[in-house]
Amino acid sequence: MRSALLALSVLAPLVATGIAHADPAPTDTGTLTVRAITGSEPIPVNRADITVTPCGAEQPVAVLLSGADGRATVTLPVGCYDAQVATVPGGCGLADTEPVRLTVAAGTEARAEFRFRCA
C-alpha cells in the first residue's frame, strides 16, 4: 500500500504537469462535404463520383462517392479546391457541369451541392 501511495505521489504531479503544458494539436485541416441531390424536395442521389482537385492543379487529391444520403466527406489540408462531378449515376443528368470552388479552412467544414435531373 505504501509503495502504491509513494508511486502516486511521485507520478501524479508529473502527469498533471505534462497535461498542463501540452501544446494544442495543430489545426491545419478541415473537411469538405459534397451533397448530390435531385428534385425540388431534395432527394439524395446515391453513387455520384465527385473529384476534388487543388486549385490550379490537374491531379485530384480525392474522389468521393455519394452515399445513400447523397453525401460524402473528406478531410483535407487547408487550401483552395475545385469539386466536380466525374461520374453521373445512370438515369440522371447534371444540372450544372462547372466545378465548384471551395476554401477549406482549419477546423471547419466547406460544403458543395450538386443538382441532378433524374428520371
PDB file of N, CA and C in Angstrom:
ATOM      1  N   MET A   1       0.820  -1.178   0.000  1.00  0.00           N
ATOM      2  CA  MET A   1       0.000   0.000   0.000  1.00  0.00           C
ATOM      3  C   MET A   1       0.872   1.253   0.000  1.00  0.00           C
ATOM      4  N   ARG A   2       1.936   1.247   0.852  1.00  0.00           N
ATOM      5  CA  ARG A   2       2.819   2.409   0.918  1.00  0.00           C
ATOM      6  C   ARG A   2       3.499   2.665  -0.424  1.00  0.00           C
ATOM      7  N   SER A   3       3.909   1.593  -1.100  1.00  0.00           N
ATOM      8  CA  SER A   3       4.594   1.779  -2.379  1.00  0.00           C
ATOM      9  C   SER A   3       3.639   2.336  -3.426  1.00  0.00           C
ATOM     10  N   ALA A   4       2.354   1.949  -3.357  1.00  0.00           N
ATOM     11  CA  ALA A   4       1.368   2.495  -4.294  1.00  0.00           C
ATOM     12  C   ALA A   4       1.162   3.974  -4.037  1.00  0.00           C
ATOM     13  N   LEU A   5       1.070   4.358  -2.758  1.00  0.00           N
ATOM     14  CA  LEU A   5       0.904   5.779  -2.427  1.00  0.00           C
ATOM     15  C   LEU A   5       2.133   6.575  -2.822  1.00  0.00           C
ATOM     16  N   LEU A   6       3.313   6.009  -2.603  1.00  0.00           N
ATOM     17  CA  LEU A   6       4.551   6.673  -2.981  1.00  0.00           C
ATOM     18  C   LEU A   6       4.601   6.876  -4.490  1.00  0.00           C
ATOM     19  N   ALA A   7       4.226   5.850  -5.237  1.00  0.00           N
ATOM     20  CA  ALA A   7       4.219   5.961  -6.695  1.00  0.00           C
ATOM     21  C   ALA A   7       3.237   7.023  -7.154  1.00  0.00           C
ATOM     22  N   LEU A   8       2.056   7.054  -6.557  1.00  0.00           N
ATOM     23  CA  LEU A   8       1.062   8.071  -6.921  1.00  0.00           C
ATOM     24  C   LEU A   8       1.532   9.465  -6.563  1.00  0.00           C
ATOM     25  N   SER A   9       2.195   9.609  -5.429  1.00  0.00           N
ATOM     26  CA  SER A   9       2.648  10.939  -5.019  1.00  0.00           C
ATOM     27  C   SER A   9       3.750  11.458  -5.929  1.00  0.00           C
ATOM     28  N   VAL A  10       4.507  10.573  -6.543  1.00  0.00           N
ATOM     29  CA  VAL A  10       5.576  10.975  -7.462  1.00  0.00           C
ATOM     30  C   VAL A  10       5.025  11.165  -8.876  1.00  0.00           C
ATOM     31  N   LEU A  11       4.174  10.251  -9.340  1.00  0.00           N
ATOM     32  CA  LEU A  11       3.694  10.281 -10.715  1.00  0.00           C
ATOM     33  C   LEU A  11       2.584  11.307 -10.954  1.00  0.00           C
ATOM     34  N   ALA A  12       1.734  11.521  -9.995  1.00  0.00           N
ATOM     35  CA  ALA A  12       0.596  12.431 -10.195  1.00  0.00           C
ATOM     36  C   ALA A  12       1.044  13.838 -10.599  1.00  0.00           C
ATOM     37  N   PRO A  13       2.015  14.444  -9.909  1.00  0.00           N
ATOM     38  CA  PRO A  13       2.445  15.788 -10.354  1.00  0.00           C
ATOM     39  C   PRO A  13       3.081  15.780 -11.744  1.00  0.00           C
ATOM     40  N   LEU A  14       3.777  14.689 -12.094  1.00  0.00           N
ATOM     41  CA  LEU A  14       4.385  14.615 -13.424  1.00  0.00           C
ATOM     42  C   LEU A  14       3.309  14.542 -14.507  1.00  0.00           C
ATOM     43  N   VAL A  15       2.282  13.748 -14.262  1.00  0.00           N
ATOM     44  CA  VAL A  15       1.199  13.617 -15.230  1.00  0.00           C
ATOM     45  C   VAL A  15       0.464  14.941 -15.359  1.00  0.00           C
ATOM     46  N   ALA A  16       0.147  15.570 -14.241  1.00  0.00           N
ATOM     47  CA  ALA A  16      -0.563  16.848 -14.262  1.00  0.00           C
ATOM     48  C   ALA A  16       0.271  17.911 -14.964  1.00  0.00           C
ATOM     49  N   THR A  17       1.570  17.925 -14.733  1.00  0.00           N
ATOM     50  CA  THR A  17       2.446  18.903 -15.383  1.00  0.00           C
ATOM     51  C   THR A  17       2.464  18.692 -16.886  1.00  0.00           C
ATOM     52  N   GLY A  18       2.536  17.422 -17.314  1.00  0.00           N
ATOM     53  CA  GLY A  18       2.545  17.121 -18.747  1.00  0.00           C
ATOM     54  C   GLY A  18       1.270  17.568 -19.422  1.00  0.00           C
ATOM     55  N   ILE A  19       0.152  17.388 -18.766  1.00  0.00           N
ATOM     56  CA  ILE A  19      -1.120  17.796 -19.343  1.00  0.00           C
ATOM     57  C   ILE A  19      -1.246  19.308 -19.359  1.00  0.00           C
ATOM     58  N   ALA A  20      -0.828  19.943 -18.295  1.00  0.00           N
ATOM     59  CA  ALA A  20      -0.957  21.397 -18.185  1.00  0.00           C
ATOM     60  C   ALA A  20      -0.091  22.117 -19.211  1.00  0.00           C
ATOM     61  N   HIS A  21       1.039  21.511 -19.601  1.00  0.00           N
ATOM     62  CA  HIS A  21       1.962  22.180 -20.512  1.00  0.00           C
ATOM     63  C   HIS A  21       1.900  21.646 -21.935  1.00  0.00           C
ATOM     64  N   ALA A  22       0.978  20.763 -22.201  1.00  0.00           N
ATOM     65  CA  ALA A  22       0.877  20.196 -23.549  1.00  0.00           C
ATOM     66  C   ALA A  22       0.404  21.261 -24.532  1.00  0.00           C
ATOM     67  N   ASP A  23       1.060  21.308 -25.679  1.00  0.00           N
ATOM     68  CA  ASP A  23       0.645  22.236 -26.724  1.00  0.00           C
ATOM     69  C   ASP A  23      -0.577  21.675 -27.434  1.00  0.00           C
ATOM     70  N   PRO A  24      -1.520  22.538 -27.822  1.00  0.00           N
ATOM     71  CA  PRO A  24      -2.676  22.025 -28.566  1.00  0.00           C
ATOM     72  C   PRO A  24      -2.231  21.485 -29.922  1.00  0.00           C
ATOM     73  N   ALA A  25      -2.944  20.495 -30.404  1.00  0.00           N
ATOM     74  CA  ALA A  25      -2.626  19.915 -31.708  1.00  0.00           C
ATOM     75  C   ALA A  25      -2.835  20.957 -32.796  1.00  0.00           C
ATOM     76  N   PRO A  26      -1.948  21.012 -33.773  1.00  0.00           N
ATOM     77  CA  PRO A  26      -2.127  21.985 -34.849  1.00  0.00           C
ATOM     78  C   PRO A  26      -3.392  21.683 -35.650  1.00  0.00           C
ATOM     79  N   THR A  27      -4.090  22.731 -36.020  1.00  0.00           N
ATOM     80  CA  THR A  27      -5.324  22.571 -36.788  1.00  0.00           C
ATOM     81  C   THR A  27      -5.045  23.051 -38.205  1.00  0.00           C
ATOM     82  N   ASP A  28      -4.477  22.172 -39.006  1.00  0.00           N
ATOM     83  CA  ASP A  28      -4.136  22.550 -40.375  1.00  0.00           C
ATOM     84  C   ASP A  28      -4.969  21.786 -41.387  1.00  0.00           C
ATOM     85  N   THR A  29      -6.095  21.226 -40.918  1.00  0.00           N
ATOM     86  CA  THR A  29      -7.000  20.528 -41.820  1.00  0.00           C
ATOM     87  C   THR A  29      -8.433  20.965 -41.555  1.00  0.00           C
ATOM     88  N   GLY A  30      -9.256  20.716 -42.536  1.00  0.00           N
ATOM     89  CA  GLY A  30     -10.690  20.961 -42.424  1.00  0.00           C
ATOM     90  C   GLY A  30     -11.390  19.873 -43.210  1.00  0.00           C
ATOM     91  N   THR A  31     -12.699  19.938 -43.280  1.00  0.00           N
ATOM     92  CA  THR A  31     -13.422  18.928 -44.036  1.00  0.00           C
ATOM     93  C   THR A  31     -14.134  19.556 -45.217  1.00  0.00           C
ATOM     94  N   LEU A  32     -14.333  18.745 -46.226  1.00  0.00           N
ATOM     95  CA  LEU A  32     -15.092  19.148 -47.402  1.00  0.00           C
ATOM     96  C   LEU A  32     -16.216  18.126 -47.547  1.00  0.00           C
ATOM     97  N   THR A  33     -17.446  18.607 -47.558  1.00  0.00           N
ATOM     98  CA  THR A  33     -18.611  17.741 -47.700  1.00  0.00           C
ATOM     99  C   THR A  33     -19.342  18.105 -48.977  1.00  0.00           C
ATOM    100  N   VAL A  34     -19.631  17.103 -49.788  1.00  0.00           N
ATOM    101  CA  VAL A  34     -20.420  17.303 -51.006  1.00  0.00           C
ATOM    102  C   VAL A  34     -21.774  16.637 -50.813  1.00  0.00           C
ATOM    103  N   ARG A  35     -22.768  17.208 -51.478  1.00  0.00           N
ATOM    104  CA  ARG A  35     -24.128  16.672 -51.407  1.00  0.00           C
ATOM    105  C   ARG A  35     -24.678  16.596 -52.817  1.00  0.00           C
ATOM    106  N   ALA A  36     -25.127  15.411 -53.201  1.00  0.00           N
ATOM    107  CA  ALA A  36     -25.709  15.191 -54.524  1.00  0.00           C
ATOM    108  C   ALA A  36     -27.213  15.003 -54.327  1.00  0.00           C
ATOM    109  N   ILE A  37     -28.013  15.860 -55.015  1.00  0.00           N
ATOM    110  CA  ILE A  37     -29.463  15.814 -54.825  1.00  0.00           C
ATOM    111  C   ILE A  37     -30.191  15.965 -56.158  1.00  0.00           C
ATOM    112  N   THR A  38     -31.478  15.626 -56.140  1.00  0.00           N
ATOM    113  CA  THR A  38     -32.338  15.816 -57.307  1.00  0.00           C
ATOM    114  C   THR A  38     -33.712  16.251 -56.822  1.00  0.00           C
ATOM    115  N   GLY A  39     -34.450  16.921 -57.687  1.00  0.00           N
ATOM    116  CA  GLY A  39     -35.828  17.302 -57.380  1.00  0.00           C
ATOM    117  C   GLY A  39     -35.944  18.578 -56.569  1.00  0.00           C
ATOM    118  N   SER A  40     -37.171  19.121 -56.532  1.00  0.00           N
ATOM    119  CA  SER A  40     -37.416  20.357 -55.784  1.00  0.00           C
ATOM    120  C   SER A  40     -37.446  20.100 -54.289  1.00  0.00           C
ATOM    121  N   GLU A  41     -37.898  18.923 -53.890  1.00  0.00           N
ATOM    122  CA  GLU A  41     -37.779  18.498 -52.498  1.00  0.00           C
ATOM    123  C   GLU A  41     -36.564  17.590 -52.485  1.00  0.00           C
ATOM    124  N   PRO A  42     -35.417  18.101 -52.089  1.00  0.00           N
ATOM    125  CA  PRO A  42     -34.166  17.379 -52.328  1.00  0.00           C
ATOM    126  C   PRO A  42     -34.222  15.897 -51.955  1.00  0.00           C
ATOM    127  N   ILE A  43     -34.003  15.086 -52.979  1.00  0.00           N
ATOM    128  CA  ILE A  43     -33.890  13.641 -52.818  1.00  0.00           C
ATOM    129  C   ILE A  43     -32.422  13.298 -53.040  1.00  0.00           C
ATOM    130  N   PRO A  44     -31.810  12.541 -52.132  1.00  0.00           N
ATOM    131  CA  PRO A  44     -30.390  12.202 -52.278  1.00  0.00           C
ATOM    132  C   PRO A  44     -30.117  11.394 -53.541  1.00  0.00           C
ATOM    133  N   VAL A  45     -28.978  11.662 -54.151  1.00  0.00           N
ATOM    134  CA  VAL A  45     -28.515  10.889 -55.300  1.00  0.00           C
ATOM    135  C   VAL A  45     -27.347  10.033 -54.826  1.00  0.00           C
ATOM    136  N   ASN A  46     -27.518   8.731 -54.932  1.00  0.00           N
ATOM    137  CA  ASN A  46     -26.522   7.764 -54.499  1.00  0.00           C
ATOM    138  C   ASN A  46     -25.551   7.465 -55.638  1.00  0.00           C
ATOM    139  N   ARG A  47     -24.279   7.267 -55.289  1.00  0.00           N
ATOM    140  CA  ARG A  47     -23.244   6.802 -56.206  1.00  0.00           C
ATOM    141  C   ARG A  47     -22.811   7.814 -57.266  1.00  0.00           C
ATOM    142  N   ALA A  48     -22.793   9.082 -56.925  1.00  0.00           N
ATOM    143  CA  ALA A  48     -22.208  10.088 -57.809  1.00  0.00           C
ATOM    144  C   ALA A  48     -20.728  10.234 -57.441  1.00  0.00           C
ATOM    145  N   ASP A  49     -19.848  10.131 -58.436  1.00  0.00           N
ATOM    146  CA  ASP A  49     -18.409  10.319 -58.221  1.00  0.00           C
ATOM    147  C   ASP A  49     -18.074  11.796 -58.353  1.00  0.00           C
ATOM    148  N   ILE A  50     -17.389  12.332 -57.352  1.00  0.00           N
ATOM    149  CA  ILE A  50     -17.010  13.745 -57.366  1.00  0.00           C
ATOM    150  C   ILE A  50     -15.522  13.834 -57.087  1.00  0.00           C
ATOM    151  N   THR A  51     -14.789  14.471 -58.001  1.00  0.00           N
ATOM    152  CA  THR A  51     -13.349  14.641 -57.809  1.00  0.00           C
ATOM    153  C   THR A  51     -13.077  15.943 -57.083  1.00  0.00           C
ATOM    154  N   VAL A  52     -12.030  15.929 -56.277  1.00  0.00           N
ATOM    155  CA  VAL A  52     -11.598  17.110 -55.540  1.00  0.00           C
ATOM    156  C   VAL A  52     -10.146  17.364 -55.929  1.00  0.00           C
ATOM    157  N   THR A  53      -9.912  18.552 -56.505  1.00  0.00           N
ATOM    158  CA  THR A  53      -8.587  18.903 -57.024  1.00  0.00           C
ATOM    159  C   THR A  53      -8.149  20.232 -56.422  1.00  0.00           C
ATOM    160  N   PRO A  54      -6.891  20.343 -55.974  1.00  0.00           N
ATOM    161  CA  PRO A  54      -6.420  21.642 -55.508  1.00  0.00           C
ATOM    162  C   PRO A  54      -6.517  22.666 -56.641  1.00  0.00           C
ATOM    163  N   CYS A  55      -6.875  23.897 -56.299  1.00  0.00           N
ATOM    164  CA  CYS A  55      -6.995  24.955 -57.303  1.00  0.00           C
ATOM    165  C   CYS A  55      -5.691  25.093 -58.082  1.00  0.00           C
ATOM    166  N   GLY A  56      -5.804  25.134 -59.395  1.00  0.00           N
ATOM    167  CA  GLY A  56      -4.638  25.285 -60.257  1.00  0.00           C
ATOM    168  C   GLY A  56      -3.909  23.986 -60.551  1.00  0.00           C
ATOM    169  N   ALA A  57      -4.312  22.886 -59.946  1.00  0.00           N
ATOM    170  CA  ALA A  57      -3.653  21.597 -60.185  1.00  0.00           C
ATOM    171  C   ALA A  57      -4.490  20.775 -61.165  1.00  0.00           C
ATOM    172  N   GLU A  58      -3.894  19.699 -61.661  1.00  0.00           N
ATOM    173  CA  GLU A  58      -4.607  18.830 -62.593  1.00  0.00           C
ATOM    174  C   GLU A  58      -4.992  17.494 -61.974  1.00  0.00           C
ATOM    175  N   GLN A  59      -4.215  17.036 -61.002  1.00  0.00           N
ATOM    176  CA  GLN A  59      -4.456  15.730 -60.389  1.00  0.00           C
ATOM    177  C   GLN A  59      -5.358  15.857 -59.164  1.00  0.00           C
ATOM    178  N   PRO A  60      -6.449  15.100 -59.121  1.00  0.00           N
ATOM    179  CA  PRO A  60      -7.312  15.132 -57.939  1.00  0.00           C
ATOM    180  C   PRO A  60      -6.608  14.552 -56.713  1.00  0.00           C
ATOM    181  N   VAL A  61      -6.959  15.072 -55.552  1.00  0.00           N
ATOM    182  CA  VAL A  61      -6.433  14.537 -54.296  1.00  0.00           C
ATOM    183  C   VAL A  61      -7.435  13.589 -53.651  1.00  0.00           C
ATOM    184  N   ALA A  62      -8.677  13.607 -54.140  1.00  0.00           N
ATOM    185  CA  ALA A  62      -9.704  12.712 -53.607  1.00  0.00           C
ATOM    186  C   ALA A  62     -10.789  12.499 -54.654  1.00  0.00           C
ATOM    187  N   VAL A  63     -11.362  11.311 -54.639  1.00  0.00           N
ATOM    188  CA  VAL A  63     -12.555  11.016 -55.434  1.00  0.00           C
ATOM    189  C   VAL A  63     -13.601  10.538 -54.438  1.00  0.00           C
ATOM    190  N   LEU A  64     -14.670  11.297 -54.323  1.00  0.00           N
ATOM    191  CA  LEU A  64     -15.719  10.998 -53.357  1.00  0.00           C
ATOM    192  C   LEU A  64     -16.869  10.285 -54.043  1.00  0.00           C
ATOM    193  N   LEU A  65     -17.510   9.389 -53.333  1.00  0.00           N
ATOM    194  CA  LEU A  65     -18.666   8.665 -53.841  1.00  0.00           C
ATOM    195  C   LEU A  65     -19.828   8.953 -52.902  1.00  0.00           C
ATOM    196  N   SER A  66     -20.874   9.601 -53.424  1.00  0.00           N
ATOM    197  CA  SER A  66     -22.008   9.927 -52.563  1.00  0.00           C
ATOM    198  C   SER A  66     -22.689   8.656 -52.085  1.00  0.00           C
ATOM    199  N   GLY A  67     -23.123   8.693 -50.840  1.00  0.00           N
ATOM    200  CA  GLY A  67     -23.787   7.542 -50.231  1.00  0.00           C
ATOM    201  C   GLY A  67     -25.292   7.619 -50.390  1.00  0.00           C
ATOM    202  N   ALA A  68     -25.987   6.762 -49.680  1.00  0.00           N
ATOM    203  CA  ALA A  68     -27.444   6.709 -49.746  1.00  0.00           C
ATOM    204  C   ALA A  68     -28.087   8.028 -49.324  1.00  0.00           C
ATOM    205  N   ASP A  69     -27.383   8.801 -48.493  1.00  0.00           N
ATOM    206  CA  ASP A  69     -27.896  10.112 -48.069  1.00  0.00           C
ATOM    207  C   ASP A  69     -27.468  11.225 -49.027  1.00  0.00           C
ATOM    208  N   GLY A  70     -26.772  10.858 -50.112  1.00  0.00           N
ATOM    209  CA  GLY A  70     -26.324  11.831 -51.099  1.00  0.00           C
ATOM    210  C   GLY A  70     -25.060  12.578 -50.702  1.00  0.00           C
ATOM    211  N   ARG A  71     -24.482  12.255 -49.573  1.00  0.00           N
ATOM    212  CA  ARG A  71     -23.322  12.989 -49.056  1.00  0.00           C
ATOM    213  C   ARG A  71     -22.037  12.161 -49.104  1.00  0.00           C
ATOM    214  N   ALA A  72     -20.923  12.890 -49.134  1.00  0.00           N
ATOM    215  CA  ALA A  72     -19.596  12.302 -48.984  1.00  0.00           C
ATOM    216  C   ALA A  72     -18.703  13.371 -48.366  1.00  0.00           C
ATOM    217  N   THR A  73     -17.799  12.960 -47.497  1.00  0.00           N
ATOM    218  CA  THR A  73     -16.947  13.906 -46.775  1.00  0.00           C
ATOM    219  C   THR A  73     -15.508  13.425 -46.803  1.00  0.00           C
ATOM    220  N   VAL A  74     -14.594  14.388 -46.863  1.00  0.00           N
ATOM    221  CA  VAL A  74     -13.166  14.080 -46.816  1.00  0.00           C
ATOM    222  C   VAL A  74     -12.471  15.151 -45.978  1.00  0.00           C
ATOM    223  N   THR A  75     -11.419  14.760 -45.269  1.00  0.00           N
ATOM    224  CA  THR A  75     -10.581  15.707 -44.523  1.00  0.00           C
ATOM    225  C   THR A  75      -9.417  16.084 -45.424  1.00  0.00           C
ATOM    226  N   LEU A  76      -9.176  17.402 -45.542  1.00  0.00           N
ATOM    227  CA  LEU A  76      -8.134  17.903 -46.439  1.00  0.00           C
ATOM    228  C   LEU A  76      -7.289  18.961 -45.754  1.00  0.00           C
ATOM    229  N   PRO A  77      -6.055  19.161 -46.232  1.00  0.00           N
ATOM    230  CA  PRO A  77      -5.265  20.285 -45.738  1.00  0.00           C
ATOM    231  C   PRO A  77      -5.954  21.601 -46.100  1.00  0.00           C
ATOM    232  N   VAL A  78      -5.707  22.613 -45.319  1.00  0.00           N
ATOM    233  CA  VAL A  78      -6.256  23.938 -45.576  1.00  0.00           C
ATOM    234  C   VAL A  78      -5.858  24.390 -46.972  1.00  0.00           C
ATOM    235  N   GLY A  79      -6.809  24.974 -47.707  1.00  0.00           N
ATOM    236  CA  GLY A  79      -6.486  25.474 -49.037  1.00  0.00           C
ATOM    237  C   GLY A  79      -7.698  25.604 -49.934  1.00  0.00           C
ATOM    238  N   CYS A  80      -7.421  25.902 -51.192  1.00  0.00           N
ATOM    239  CA  CYS A  80      -8.444  26.102 -52.219  1.00  0.00           C
ATOM    240  C   CYS A  80      -8.595  24.803 -53.022  1.00  0.00           C
ATOM    241  N   TYR A  81      -9.860  24.409 -53.282  1.00  0.00           N
ATOM    242  CA  TYR A  81     -10.136  23.178 -54.011  1.00  0.00           C
ATOM    243  C   TYR A  81     -11.282  23.383 -54.998  1.00  0.00           C
ATOM    244  N   ASP A  82     -11.237  22.614 -56.072  1.00  0.00           N
ATOM    245  CA  ASP A  82     -12.346  22.549 -57.027  1.00  0.00           C
ATOM    246  C   ASP A  82     -12.968  21.172 -56.908  1.00  0.00           C
ATOM    247  N   ALA A  83     -14.292  21.132 -56.738  1.00  0.00           N
ATOM    248  CA  ALA A  83     -15.029  19.870 -56.699  1.00  0.00           C
ATOM    249  C   ALA A  83     -15.858  19.787 -57.970  1.00  0.00           C
ATOM    250  N   GLN A  84     -15.824  18.633 -58.627  1.00  0.00           N
ATOM    251  CA  GLN A  84     -16.531  18.475 -59.894  1.00  0.00           C
ATOM    252  C   GLN A  84     -17.046  17.045 -60.030  1.00  0.00           C
ATOM    253  N   VAL A  85     -18.253  16.923 -60.555  1.00  0.00           N
ATOM    254  CA  VAL A  85     -18.832  15.596 -60.773  1.00  0.00           C
ATOM    255  C   VAL A  85     -18.052  14.910 -61.891  1.00  0.00           C
ATOM    256  N   ALA A  86     -17.590  13.692 -61.604  1.00  0.00           N
ATOM    257  CA  ALA A  86     -16.837  12.914 -62.594  1.00  0.00           C
ATOM    258  C   ALA A  86     -17.719  11.863 -63.251  1.00  0.00           C
ATOM    259  N   THR A  87     -18.610  11.259 -62.477  1.00  0.00           N
ATOM    260  CA  THR A  87     -19.493  10.227 -62.998  1.00  0.00           C
ATOM    261  C   THR A  87     -20.913  10.505 -62.553  1.00  0.00           C
ATOM    262  N   VAL A  88     -21.815  10.590 -63.517  1.00  0.00           N
ATOM    263  CA  VAL A  88     -23.228  10.815 -63.238  1.00  0.00           C
ATOM    264  C   VAL A  88     -23.913   9.455 -63.151  1.00  0.00           C
ATOM    265  N   PRO A  89     -24.661   9.202 -62.077  1.00  0.00           N
ATOM    266  CA  PRO A  89     -25.353   7.915 -61.958  1.00  0.00           C
ATOM    267  C   PRO A  89     -26.324   7.692 -63.118  1.00  0.00           C
ATOM    268  N   GLY A  90     -26.558   6.428 -63.466  1.00  0.00           N
ATOM    269  CA  GLY A  90     -27.468   6.076 -64.552  1.00  0.00           C
ATOM    270  C   GLY A  90     -28.856   6.661 -64.346  1.00  0.00           C
ATOM    271  N   GLY A  91     -29.457   7.129 -65.430  1.00  0.00           N
ATOM    272  CA  GLY A  91     -30.794   7.705 -65.360  1.00  0.00           C
ATOM    273  C   GLY A  91     -30.816   9.150 -64.922  1.00  0.00           C
ATOM    274  N   CYS A  92     -29.639   9.749 -64.723  1.00  0.00           N
ATOM    275  CA  CYS A  92     -29.560  11.135 -64.261  1.00  0.00           C
ATOM    276  C   CYS A  92     -28.760  11.981 -65.235  1.00  0.00           C
ATOM    277  N   GLY A  93     -28.984  13.278 -65.177  1.00  0.00           N
ATOM    278  CA  GLY A  93     -28.191  14.262 -65.891  1.00  0.00           C
ATOM    279  C   GLY A  93     -27.759  15.312 -64.890  1.00  0.00           C
ATOM    280  N   LEU A  94     -26.705  15.999 -65.182  1.00  0.00           N
ATOM    281  CA  LEU A  94     -26.187  17.021 -64.273  1.00  0.00           C
ATOM    282  C   LEU A  94     -26.726  18.384 -64.665  1.00  0.00           C
ATOM    283  N   ALA A  95     -27.288  19.126 -63.718  1.00  0.00           N
ATOM    284  CA  ALA A  95     -27.867  20.434 -63.981  1.00  0.00           C
ATOM    285  C   ALA A  95     -26.793  21.453 -64.368  1.00  0.00           C
ATOM    286  N   ASP A  96     -25.629  21.428 -63.705  1.00  0.00           N
ATOM    287  CA  ASP A  96     -24.550  22.377 -63.977  1.00  0.00           C
ATOM    288  C   ASP A  96     -23.233  21.613 -63.976  1.00  0.00           C
ATOM    289  N   THR A  97     -22.486  21.696 -65.078  1.00  0.00           N
ATOM    290  CA  THR A  97     -21.255  20.911 -65.207  1.00  0.00           C
ATOM    291  C   THR A  97     -20.008  21.637 -64.711  1.00  0.00           C
ATOM    292  N   GLU A  98     -20.145  22.890 -64.317  1.00  0.00           N
ATOM    293  CA  GLU A  98     -18.989  23.662 -63.846  1.00  0.00           C
ATOM    294  C   GLU A  98     -18.525  23.161 -62.473  1.00  0.00           C
ATOM    295  N   PRO A  99     -17.210  23.173 -62.236  1.00  0.00           N
ATOM    296  CA  PRO A  99     -16.718  22.803 -60.902  1.00  0.00           C
ATOM    297  C   PRO A  99     -17.128  23.855 -59.870  1.00  0.00           C
ATOM    298  N   VAL A 100     -17.190  23.427 -58.627  1.00  0.00           N
ATOM    299  CA  VAL A 100     -17.486  24.333 -57.522  1.00  0.00           C
ATOM    300  C   VAL A 100     -16.176  24.615 -56.808  1.00  0.00           C
ATOM    301  N   ARG A 101     -15.832  25.886 -56.649  1.00  0.00           N
ATOM    302  CA  ARG A 101     -14.592  26.275 -55.964  1.00  0.00           C
ATOM    303  C   ARG A 101     -14.893  26.488 -54.486  1.00  0.00           C
ATOM    304  N   LEU A 102     -14.077  25.861 -53.652  1.00  0.00           N
ATOM    305  CA  LEU A 102     -14.266  25.908 -52.203  1.00  0.00           C
ATOM    306  C   LEU A 102     -12.962  26.222 -51.498  1.00  0.00           C
ATOM    307  N   THR A 103     -13.072  26.836 -50.341  1.00  0.00           N
ATOM    308  CA  THR A 103     -11.911  27.065 -49.494  1.00  0.00           C
ATOM    309  C   THR A 103     -12.085  26.263 -48.221  1.00  0.00           C
ATOM    310  N   VAL A 104     -11.145  25.365 -47.963  1.00  0.00           N
ATOM    311  CA  VAL A 104     -11.149  24.581 -46.738  1.00  0.00           C
ATOM    312  C   VAL A 104     -10.324  25.351 -45.717  1.00  0.00           C
ATOM    313  N   ALA A 105     -10.962  25.696 -44.599  1.00  0.00           N
ATOM    314  CA  ALA A 105     -10.296  26.427 -43.520  1.00  0.00           C
ATOM    315  C   ALA A 105     -10.087  25.484 -42.340  1.00  0.00           C
ATOM    316  N   ALA A 106      -9.121  25.804 -41.522  1.00  0.00           N
ATOM    317  CA  ALA A 106      -8.769  24.960 -40.384  1.00  0.00           C
ATOM    318  C   ALA A 106      -9.955  24.749 -39.453  1.00  0.00           C
ATOM    319  N   GLY A 107     -10.227  23.485 -39.162  1.00  0.00           N
ATOM    320  CA  GLY A 107     -11.256  23.133 -38.202  1.00  0.00           C
ATOM    321  C   GLY A 107     -12.684  23.411 -38.628  1.00  0.00           C
ATOM    322  N   THR A 108     -12.916  23.690 -39.915  1.00  0.00           N
ATOM    323  CA  THR A 108     -14.269  23.987 -40.378  1.00  0.00           C
ATOM    324  C   THR A 108     -14.681  23.019 -41.478  1.00  0.00           C
ATOM    325  N   GLU A 109     -15.926  23.166 -41.925  1.00  0.00           N
ATOM    326  CA  GLU A 109     -16.451  22.329 -42.997  1.00  0.00           C
ATOM    327  C   GLU A 109     -16.853  23.204 -44.179  1.00  0.00           C
ATOM    328  N   ALA A 110     -16.294  22.907 -45.346  1.00  0.00           N
ATOM    329  CA  ALA A 110     -16.703  23.564 -46.591  1.00  0.00           C
ATOM    330  C   ALA A 110     -17.718  22.639 -47.257  1.00  0.00           C
ATOM    331  N   ARG A 111     -18.759  23.219 -47.886  1.00  0.00           N
ATOM    332  CA  ARG A 111     -19.828  22.402 -48.477  1.00  0.00           C
ATOM    333  C   ARG A 111     -20.084  22.779 -49.922  1.00  0.00           C
ATOM    334  N   ALA A 112     -20.345  21.752 -50.724  1.00  0.00           N
ATOM    335  CA  ALA A 112     -20.729  21.955 -52.121  1.00  0.00           C
ATOM    336  C   ALA A 112     -21.948  21.096 -52.403  1.00  0.00           C
ATOM    337  N   GLU A 113     -22.838  21.619 -53.219  1.00  0.00           N
ATOM    338  CA  GLU A 113     -24.056  20.885 -53.562  1.00  0.00           C
ATOM    339  C   GLU A 113     -24.130  20.736 -55.074  1.00  0.00           C
ATOM    340  N   PHE A 114     -24.447  19.522 -55.514  1.00  0.00           N
ATOM    341  CA  PHE A 114     -24.582  19.235 -56.930  1.00  0.00           C
ATOM    342  C   PHE A 114     -26.015  18.780 -57.196  1.00  0.00           C
ATOM    343  N   ARG A 115     -26.681  19.444 -58.168  1.00  0.00           N
ATOM    344  CA  ARG A 115     -28.063  19.107 -58.505  1.00  0.00           C
ATOM    345  C   ARG A 115     -28.096  18.281 -59.781  1.00  0.00           C
ATOM    346  N   PHE A 116     -28.827  17.198 -59.687  1.00  0.00           N
ATOM    347  CA  PHE A 116     -29.009  16.299 -60.819  1.00  0.00           C
ATOM    348  C   PHE A 116     -30.466  16.338 -61.265  1.00  0.00           C
ATOM    349  N   ARG A 117     -30.681  15.947 -62.515  1.00  0.00           N
ATOM    350  CA  ARG A 117     -32.035  15.716 -63.033  1.00  0.00           C
ATOM    351  C   ARG A 117     -32.118  14.219 -63.285  1.00  0.00           C
ATOM    352  N   CYS A 118     -32.912  13.539 -62.480  1.00  0.00           N
ATOM    353  CA  CYS A 118     -33.006  12.086 -62.598  1.00  0.00           C
ATOM    354  C   CYS A 118     -34.421  11.683 -63.001  1.00  0.00           C
ATOM    355  N   ALA A 119     -34.500  10.636 -63.824  1.00  0.00           N
ATOM    356  CA  ALA A 119     -35.801  10.136 -64.300  1.00  0.00           C
ATOM    357  C   ALA A 119     -36.486   9.310 -63.238  1.00  0.00           C
TER     358      ALA A 119
END
